[in-house]
Amino acid sequence: MTVYEQLKAAAPEAWAAYTDHEFIRQMEAGDLPAEAFRAYLVQDYLFLVQFARAYALAVYKSRSLPQIEAAQAGLAGIVQETELHVRLCARFGLEREDLDRAAEHPATVAYTRYVLDCGSSGDLLDLHVALLPCVAGYAEIGRRLAPAIEDDVEHPYREWIAEYNGPEYQQLARDAVATIEELAQRSLTEARFPELASIFATATSLEADFWQMGLDLGAAGSATGR
């Protein structure tokens, strides 16, 4: 069992709440309200800006060229991911400048600053474990939702699903898992695992909160006619 699998096994309820959230189920069915998706996209763009900072911190925390290269690849992947959000937000009449000016929701602040704090106060393994639910979890969600778009060219969330099920993102996730394995071989002990499991579980719960934020903001926007 990989360290990633062990971490998921240590937080089954949190992982299920994240990867099988109502937001995801509605997206899969194609009936997620557009207002919820729009709200999520804006906040996820801001989220990715902070995650880029976290990968930059991983570069700083690295002690070898392979570790630097792994963090650099993650940073490049995050920057590329923002382009998806810019494209999708354009459908709602939003420009990149609108996204940059948007205010961070408390759920966005809570999650991203938690990850940055893990990296600032801990070591490289702590930081990568905090990043892992997002990176690897989206890959799992992309694979799970892929059948929904196979025969439905009109699926409203086809581009989003295809992005996270795509070969580039799937490889990014595999590389993230491999990085965890490499770091764990160097510094993971039996006594330390509960601490890492706690980081992973907290980050996973914050991911579920992020989905819920999208639903809540979407419902609020729909109620006010925005």
C-alpha atoms as a PDB file:
ATOM      1  CA  MET A   1       0.000   0.000   0.000  1.00  0.00           C
ATOM      2  CA  THR A   2       1.408   3.392  -0.993  1.00  0.00           C
ATOM      3  CA  VAL A   3       1.610   6.230   1.510  1.00  0.00           C
ATOM      4  CA  TYR A   4      -1.159   7.944  -0.453  1.00  0.00           C
ATOM      5  CA  GLU A   5      -3.404   4.914  -0.025  1.00  0.00           C
ATOM      6  CA  GLN A   6      -2.538   4.737   3.673  1.00  0.00           C
ATOM      7  CA  LEU A   7      -3.443   8.401   4.111  1.00  0.00           C
ATOM      8  CA  LYS A   8      -6.797   7.894   2.402  1.00  0.00           C
ATOM      9  CA  ALA A   9      -7.471   4.787   4.480  1.00  0.00           C
ATOM     10  CA  ALA A  10      -6.806   6.805   7.623  1.00  0.00           C
ATOM     11  CA  ALA A  11      -9.468   9.385   6.684  1.00  0.00           C
ATOM     12  CA  PRO A  12     -12.254   7.454   4.898  1.00  0.00           C
ATOM     13  CA  GLU A  13     -15.134   9.722   5.911  1.00  0.00           C
ATOM     14  CA  ALA A  14     -13.321  12.915   4.984  1.00  0.00           C
ATOM     15  CA  TRP A  15     -12.207  11.434   1.671  1.00  0.00           C
ATOM     16  CA  ALA A  16     -15.707  10.276   0.777  1.00  0.00           C
ATOM     17  CA  ALA A  17     -17.181  13.663   1.742  1.00  0.00           C
ATOM     18  CA  TYR A  18     -14.702  15.308  -0.620  1.00  0.00           C
ATOM     19  CA  THR A  19     -14.679  12.995  -3.629  1.00  0.00           C
ATOM     20  CA  ASP A  20     -18.403  12.173  -3.529  1.00  0.00           C
ATOM     21  CA  HIS A  21     -19.691  15.605  -2.581  1.00  0.00           C
ATOM     22  CA  GLU A  22     -23.071  16.782  -3.845  1.00  0.00           C
ATOM     23  CA  PHE A  23     -21.270  19.359  -5.993  1.00  0.00           C
ATOM     24  CA  ILE A  24     -19.473  16.533  -7.795  1.00  0.00           C
ATOM     25  CA  ARG A  25     -22.591  14.420  -8.156  1.00  0.00           C
ATOM     26  CA  GLN A  26     -24.484  17.334  -9.700  1.00  0.00           C
ATOM     27  CA  MET A  27     -21.584  18.077 -12.024  1.00  0.00           C
ATOM     28  CA  GLU A  28     -21.520  14.436 -13.127  1.00  0.00           C
ATOM     29  CA  ALA A  29     -25.248  14.514 -13.850  1.00  0.00           C
ATOM     30  CA  GLY A  30     -24.872  17.794 -15.716  1.00  0.00           C
ATOM     31  CA  ASP A  31     -27.391  19.597 -13.530  1.00  0.00           C
ATOM     32  CA  LEU A  32     -25.042  21.612 -11.335  1.00  0.00           C
ATOM     33  CA  PRO A  33     -26.453  25.169 -11.394  1.00  0.00           C
ATOM     34  CA  ALA A  34     -24.388  27.501 -13.536  1.00  0.00           C
ATOM     35  CA  GLU A  35     -24.299  29.998 -10.664  1.00  0.00           C
ATOM     36  CA  ALA A  36     -22.603  27.425  -8.439  1.00  0.00           C
ATOM     37  CA  PHE A  37     -20.043  26.564 -11.102  1.00  0.00           C
ATOM     38  CA  ARG A  38     -19.294  30.233 -11.748  1.00  0.00           C
ATOM     39  CA  ALA A  39     -18.782  30.930  -8.046  1.00  0.00           C
ATOM     40  CA  TYR A  40     -16.552  27.893  -7.728  1.00  0.00           C
ATOM     41  CA  LEU A  41     -14.455  28.873 -10.754  1.00  0.00           C
ATOM     42  CA  VAL A  42     -13.738  32.349  -9.438  1.00  0.00           C
ATOM     43  CA  GLN A  43     -12.726  31.092  -6.023  1.00  0.00           C
ATOM     44  CA  ASP A  44     -10.730  28.202  -7.453  1.00  0.00           C
ATOM     45  CA  TYR A  45      -8.750  30.635  -9.589  1.00  0.00           C
ATOM     46  CA  LEU A  46      -7.851  32.556  -6.424  1.00  0.00           C
ATOM     47  CA  PHE A  47      -7.164  29.235  -4.729  1.00  0.00           C
ATOM     48  CA  LEU A  48      -4.706  28.263  -7.459  1.00  0.00           C
ATOM     49  CA  VAL A  49      -2.817  31.531  -7.070  1.00  0.00           C
ATOM     50  CA  GLN A  50      -2.145  30.611  -3.448  1.00  0.00           C
ATOM     51  CA  PHE A  51      -1.321  27.011  -4.390  1.00  0.00           C
ATOM     52  CA  ALA A  52       1.257  28.345  -6.830  1.00  0.00           C
ATOM     53  CA  ARG A  53       2.829  30.113  -3.865  1.00  0.00           C
ATOM     54  CA  ALA A  54       2.816  26.806  -1.987  1.00  0.00           C
ATOM     55  CA  TYR A  55       4.701  25.096  -4.810  1.00  0.00           C
ATOM     56  CA  ALA A  56       7.150  27.976  -4.873  1.00  0.00           C
ATOM     57  CA  LEU A  57       7.630  27.349  -1.163  1.00  0.00           C
ATOM     58  CA  ALA A  58       8.256  23.696  -1.995  1.00  0.00           C
ATOM     59  CA  VAL A  59      11.062  24.783  -4.299  1.00  0.00           C
ATOM     60  CA  TYR A  60      12.595  26.735  -1.430  1.00  0.00           C
ATOM     61  CA  LYS A  61      12.169  23.833   0.981  1.00  0.00           C
ATOM     62  CA  SER A  62      13.761  21.361  -1.421  1.00  0.00           C
ATOM     63  CA  ARG A  63      17.263  20.065  -0.768  1.00  0.00           C
ATOM     64  CA  SER A  64      18.076  18.391  -4.055  1.00  0.00           C
ATOM     65  CA  LEU A  65      17.687  19.130  -7.739  1.00  0.00           C
ATOM     66  CA  PRO A  66      15.133  16.312  -8.269  1.00  0.00           C
ATOM     67  CA  GLN A  67      13.017  17.771  -5.450  1.00  0.00           C
ATOM     68  CA  ILE A  68      13.286  21.229  -7.004  1.00  0.00           C
ATOM     69  CA  GLU A  69      12.294  19.821 -10.387  1.00  0.00           C
ATOM     70  CA  ALA A  70       9.266  18.065  -8.871  1.00  0.00           C
ATOM     71  CA  ALA A  71       8.106  21.276  -7.202  1.00  0.00           C
ATOM     72  CA  GLN A  72       8.763  23.264 -10.352  1.00  0.00           C
ATOM     73  CA  ALA A  73       6.632  20.828 -12.363  1.00  0.00           C
ATOM     74  CA  GLY A  74       3.827  21.205  -9.843  1.00  0.00           C
ATOM     75  CA  LEU A  75       4.083  24.986 -10.067  1.00  0.00           C
ATOM     76  CA  ALA A  76       3.973  24.878 -13.866  1.00  0.00           C
ATOM     77  CA  GLY A  77       0.934  22.589 -13.713  1.00  0.00           C
ATOM     78  CA  ILE A  78      -0.892  24.978 -11.391  1.00  0.00           C
ATOM     79  CA  VAL A  79      -0.173  27.968 -13.635  1.00  0.00           C
ATOM     80  CA  GLN A  80      -1.463  26.005 -16.629  1.00  0.00           C
ATOM     81  CA  GLU A  81      -4.561  25.051 -14.660  1.00  0.00           C
ATOM     82  CA  THR A  82      -5.443  28.722 -14.171  1.00  0.00           C
ATOM     83  CA  GLU A  83      -5.841  29.019 -17.939  1.00  0.00           C
ATOM     84  CA  LEU A  84      -8.731  26.542 -17.811  1.00  0.00           C
ATOM     85  CA  HIS A  85     -10.456  28.794 -15.292  1.00  0.00           C
ATOM     86  CA  VAL A  86      -9.873  31.875 -17.407  1.00  0.00           C
ATOM     87  CA  ARG A  87     -11.381  30.140 -20.449  1.00  0.00           C
ATOM     88  CA  LEU A  88     -14.398  28.855 -18.559  1.00  0.00           C
ATOM     89  CA  CYS A  89     -15.003  32.148 -16.766  1.00  0.00           C
ATOM     90  CA  ALA A  90     -15.026  33.948 -20.133  1.00  0.00           C
ATOM     91  CA  ARG A  91     -18.302  32.153 -20.824  1.00  0.00           C
ATOM     92  CA  PHE A  92     -19.777  34.105 -17.927  1.00  0.00           C
ATOM     93  CA  GLY A  93     -18.425  37.397 -19.243  1.00  0.00           C
ATOM     94  CA  LEU A  94     -15.541  37.462 -16.776  1.00  0.00           C
ATOM     95  CA  GLU A  95     -12.052  38.546 -17.779  1.00  0.00           C
ATOM     96  CA  ARG A  96      -8.806  37.632 -16.017  1.00  0.00           C
ATOM     97  CA  GLU A  97      -8.797  41.096 -14.455  1.00  0.00           C
ATOM     98  CA  ASP A  98     -12.191  40.360 -12.891  1.00  0.00           C
ATOM     99  CA  LEU A  99     -10.805  37.213 -11.323  1.00  0.00           C
ATOM    100  CA  ASP A 100      -7.744  38.998  -9.989  1.00  0.00           C
ATOM    101  CA  ARG A 101      -9.953  41.642  -8.381  1.00  0.00           C
ATOM    102  CA  ALA A 102     -12.341  39.164  -6.763  1.00  0.00           C
ATOM    103  CA  ALA A 103     -12.329  38.798  -2.984  1.00  0.00           C
ATOM    104  CA  GLU A 104     -11.304  35.491  -1.463  1.00  0.00           C
ATOM    105  CA  HIS A 105     -14.083  33.622   0.298  1.00  0.00           C
ATOM    106  CA  PRO A 106     -13.310  32.493   3.871  1.00  0.00           C
ATOM    107  CA  ALA A 107     -13.274  28.876   2.659  1.00  0.00           C
ATOM    108  CA  THR A 108     -10.588  29.775   0.133  1.00  0.00           C
ATOM    109  CA  VAL A 109      -8.531  31.553   2.768  1.00  0.00           C
ATOM    110  CA  ALA A 110      -8.926  28.718   5.273  1.00  0.00           C
ATOM    111  CA  TYR A 111      -7.717  26.020   2.901  1.00  0.00           C
ATOM    112  CA  THR A 112      -4.887  27.793   1.144  1.00  0.00           C
ATOM    113  CA  ARG A 113      -3.427  29.364   4.262  1.00  0.00           C
ATOM    114  CA  TYR A 114      -3.573  26.022   6.028  1.00  0.00           C
ATOM    115  CA  VAL A 115      -1.445  24.510   3.272  1.00  0.00           C
ATOM    116  CA  LEU A 116       1.002  27.400   3.372  1.00  0.00           C
ATOM    117  CA  ASP A 117       1.220  27.147   7.148  1.00  0.00           C
ATOM    118  CA  CYS A 118       1.971  23.425   6.913  1.00  0.00           C
ATOM    119  CA  GLY A 119       4.785  24.231   4.548  1.00  0.00           C
ATOM    120  CA  SER A 120       6.123  27.152   6.555  1.00  0.00           C
ATOM    121  CA  SER A 121       6.123  25.404   9.909  1.00  0.00           C
ATOM    122  CA  GLY A 122       6.898  21.877   8.695  1.00  0.00           C
ATOM    123  CA  ASP A 123       9.208  20.239   6.219  1.00  0.00           C
ATOM    124  CA  LEU A 124       8.830  19.333   2.561  1.00  0.00           C
ATOM    125  CA  LEU A 125       6.894  16.140   3.317  1.00  0.00           C
ATOM    126  CA  ASP A 126       4.377  18.060   5.437  1.00  0.00           C
ATOM    127  CA  LEU A 127       3.846  20.507   2.593  1.00  0.00           C
ATOM    128  CA  HIS A 128       3.402  17.877  -0.109  1.00  0.00           C
ATOM    129  CA  VAL A 129       0.971  15.908   2.059  1.00  0.00           C
ATOM    130  CA  ALA A 130      -1.094  19.082   2.518  1.00  0.00           C
ATOM    131  CA  LEU A 131      -1.103  19.595  -1.267  1.00  0.00           C
ATOM    132  CA  LEU A 132      -1.929  15.974  -2.071  1.00  0.00           C
ATOM    133  CA  PRO A 133      -5.726  15.888  -1.555  1.00  0.00           C
ATOM    134  CA  CYS A 134      -6.153  18.612  -4.150  1.00  0.00           C
ATOM    135  CA  VAL A 135      -3.707  17.317  -6.733  1.00  0.00           C
ATOM    136  CA  ALA A 136      -4.451  13.596  -6.497  1.00  0.00           C
ATOM    137  CA  GLY A 137      -8.103  13.980  -5.559  1.00  0.00           C
ATOM    138  CA  TYR A 138      -8.952  15.978  -8.676  1.00  0.00           C
ATOM    139  CA  ALA A 139      -7.343  13.263 -10.779  1.00  0.00           C
ATOM    140  CA  GLU A 140      -9.537  10.625  -9.143  1.00  0.00           C
ATOM    141  CA  ILE A 141     -12.619  12.795  -9.620  1.00  0.00           C
ATOM    142  CA  GLY A 142     -11.714  13.394 -13.257  1.00  0.00           C
ATOM    143  CA  ARG A 143     -11.441   9.651 -13.893  1.00  0.00           C
ATOM    144  CA  ARG A 144     -14.706   8.966 -12.113  1.00  0.00           C
ATOM    145  CA  LEU A 145     -16.633  11.600 -14.063  1.00  0.00           C
ATOM    146  CA  ALA A 146     -15.091  10.734 -17.445  1.00  0.00           C
ATOM    147  CA  PRO A 147     -17.857   8.283 -18.492  1.00  0.00           C
ATOM    148  CA  ALA A 148     -20.398  11.087 -18.150  1.00  0.00           C
ATOM    149  CA  ILE A 149     -18.925  12.913 -21.142  1.00  0.00           C
ATOM    150  CA  GLU A 150     -17.986   9.964 -23.358  1.00  0.00           C
ATOM    151  CA  ASP A 151     -21.221  10.037 -25.366  1.00  0.00           C
ATOM    152  CA  ASP A 152     -22.480  13.481 -24.429  1.00  0.00           C
ATOM    153  CA  VAL A 153     -20.822  16.189 -26.481  1.00  0.00           C
ATOM    154  CA  GLU A 154     -23.262  18.720 -24.994  1.00  0.00           C
ATOM    155  CA  HIS A 155     -22.428  17.973 -21.372  1.00  0.00           C
ATOM    156  CA  PRO A 156     -22.158  21.410 -19.715  1.00  0.00           C
ATOM    157  CA  TYR A 157     -19.053  20.443 -17.745  1.00  0.00           C
ATOM    158  CA  ARG A 158     -17.318  18.496 -20.459  1.00  0.00           C
ATOM    159  CA  GLU A 159     -14.231  20.729 -20.638  1.00  0.00           C
ATOM    160  CA  TRP A 160     -13.667  20.717 -16.875  1.00  0.00           C
ATOM    161  CA  ILE A 161     -13.996  16.928 -16.646  1.00  0.00           C
ATOM    162  CA  ALA A 162     -11.810  16.364 -19.692  1.00  0.00           C
ATOM    163  CA  GLU A 163      -9.097  18.594 -18.237  1.00  0.00           C
ATOM    164  CA  TYR A 164      -8.791  16.631 -15.013  1.00  0.00           C
ATOM    165  CA  ASN A 165      -9.100  13.287 -16.750  1.00  0.00           C
ATOM    166  CA  GLY A 166      -6.593  14.356 -19.372  1.00  0.00           C
ATOM    167  CA  PRO A 167      -3.155  12.759 -19.677  1.00  0.00           C
ATOM    168  CA  GLU A 168      -1.229  15.836 -18.548  1.00  0.00           C
ATOM    169  CA  TYR A 169      -3.167  16.273 -15.323  1.00  0.00           C
ATOM    170  CA  GLN A 170      -3.226  12.549 -14.614  1.00  0.00           C
ATOM    171  CA  GLN A 171       0.560  12.471 -14.973  1.00  0.00           C
ATOM    172  CA  LEU A 172       0.872  15.494 -12.675  1.00  0.00           C
ATOM    173  CA  ALA A 173      -1.089  13.586 -10.032  1.00  0.00           C
ATOM    174  CA  ARG A 174       1.011  10.452 -10.448  1.00  0.00           C
ATOM    175  CA  ASP A 175       4.139  12.529 -10.068  1.00  0.00           C
ATOM    176  CA  ALA A 176       2.758  14.084  -6.880  1.00  0.00           C
ATOM    177  CA  VAL A 177       2.122  10.638  -5.419  1.00  0.00           C
ATOM    178  CA  ALA A 178       5.620   9.539  -6.443  1.00  0.00           C
ATOM    179  CA  THR A 179       7.081  12.585  -4.715  1.00  0.00           C
ATOM    180  CA  ILE A 180       5.319  11.623  -1.503  1.00  0.00           C
ATOM    181  CA  GLU A 181       6.740   8.107  -1.763  1.00  0.00           C
ATOM    182  CA  GLU A 182      10.269   9.399  -2.309  1.00  0.00           C
ATOM    183  CA  LEU A 183      10.086  11.816   0.606  1.00  0.00           C
ATOM    184  CA  ALA A 184       8.482   9.200   2.852  1.00  0.00           C
ATOM    185  CA  GLN A 185      11.340   6.794   2.277  1.00  0.00           C
ATOM    186  CA  ARG A 186      13.677   9.421   3.676  1.00  0.00           C
ATOM    187  CA  SER A 187      11.758  10.823   6.625  1.00  0.00           C
ATOM    188  CA  LEU A 188       8.534   8.941   7.395  1.00  0.00           C
ATOM    189  CA  THR A 189       8.502   6.977  10.633  1.00  0.00           C
ATOM    190  CA  GLU A 190       5.730   5.053  12.333  1.00  0.00           C
ATOM    191  CA  ALA A 191       5.585   7.711  15.031  1.00  0.00           C
ATOM    192  CA  ARG A 192       5.247  10.488  12.468  1.00  0.00           C
ATOM    193  CA  PHE A 193       2.468   8.961  10.372  1.00  0.00           C
ATOM    194  CA  PRO A 194      -0.419  10.145  12.625  1.00  0.00           C
ATOM    195  CA  GLU A 195       0.772  13.734  12.212  1.00  0.00           C
ATOM    196  CA  LEU A 196       0.803  13.405   8.433  1.00  0.00           C
ATOM    197  CA  ALA A 197      -2.571  11.659   8.508  1.00  0.00           C
ATOM    198  CA  SER A 198      -3.967  14.606  10.446  1.00  0.00           C
ATOM    199  CA  ILE A 199      -2.619  17.071   7.865  1.00  0.00           C
ATOM    200  CA  PHE A 200      -4.091  15.004   5.040  1.00  0.00           C
ATOM    201  CA  ALA A 201      -7.472  14.659   6.763  1.00  0.00           C
ATOM    202  CA  THR A 202      -7.698  18.371   7.506  1.00  0.00           C
ATOM    203  CA  ALA A 203      -6.788  19.358   3.951  1.00  0.00           C
ATOM    204  CA  THR A 204      -9.321  16.843   2.634  1.00  0.00           C
ATOM    205  CA  SER A 205     -12.074  18.265   4.846  1.00  0.00           C
ATOM    206  CA  LEU A 206     -11.225  21.747   3.627  1.00  0.00           C
ATOM    207  CA  GLU A 207     -11.631  20.466   0.063  1.00  0.00           C
ATOM    208  CA  ALA A 208     -15.156  19.303   0.893  1.00  0.00           C
ATOM    209  CA  ASP A 209     -15.853  22.720   2.419  1.00  0.00           C
ATOM    210  CA  PHE A 210     -14.691  24.283  -0.841  1.00  0.00           C
ATOM    211  CA  TRP A 211     -17.252  22.305  -2.856  1.00  0.00           C
ATOM    212  CA  GLN A 212     -19.939  23.293  -0.363  1.00  0.00           C
ATOM    213  CA  MET A 213     -18.934  26.925  -0.733  1.00  0.00           C
ATOM    214  CA  GLY A 214     -19.647  26.650  -4.456  1.00  0.00           C
ATOM    215  CA  LEU A 215     -23.122  25.274  -3.824  1.00  0.00           C
ATOM    216  CA  ASP A 216     -23.873  27.881  -1.166  1.00  0.00           C
ATOM    217  CA  LEU A 217     -22.670  30.823  -3.255  1.00  0.00           C
ATOM    218  CA  GLY A 218     -24.552  29.497  -6.245  1.00  0.00           C
ATOM    219  CA  ALA A 219     -27.766  29.217  -4.235  1.00  0.00           C
ATOM    220  CA  ALA A 220     -27.305  32.715  -2.837  1.00  0.00           C
ATOM    221  CA  GLY A 221     -26.677  34.149  -6.301  1.00  0.00           C
ATOM    222  CA  SER A 222     -29.703  32.408  -7.729  1.00  0.00           C
ATOM    223  CA  ALA A 223     -31.890  33.662  -4.895  1.00  0.00           C
ATOM    224  CA  THR A 224     -30.826  37.263  -5.474  1.00  0.00           C
ATOM    225  CA  GLY A 225     -31.115  36.990  -9.247  1.00  0.00           C
ATOM    226  CA  ARG A 226     -27.407  37.596  -9.882  1.00  0.00           C
END
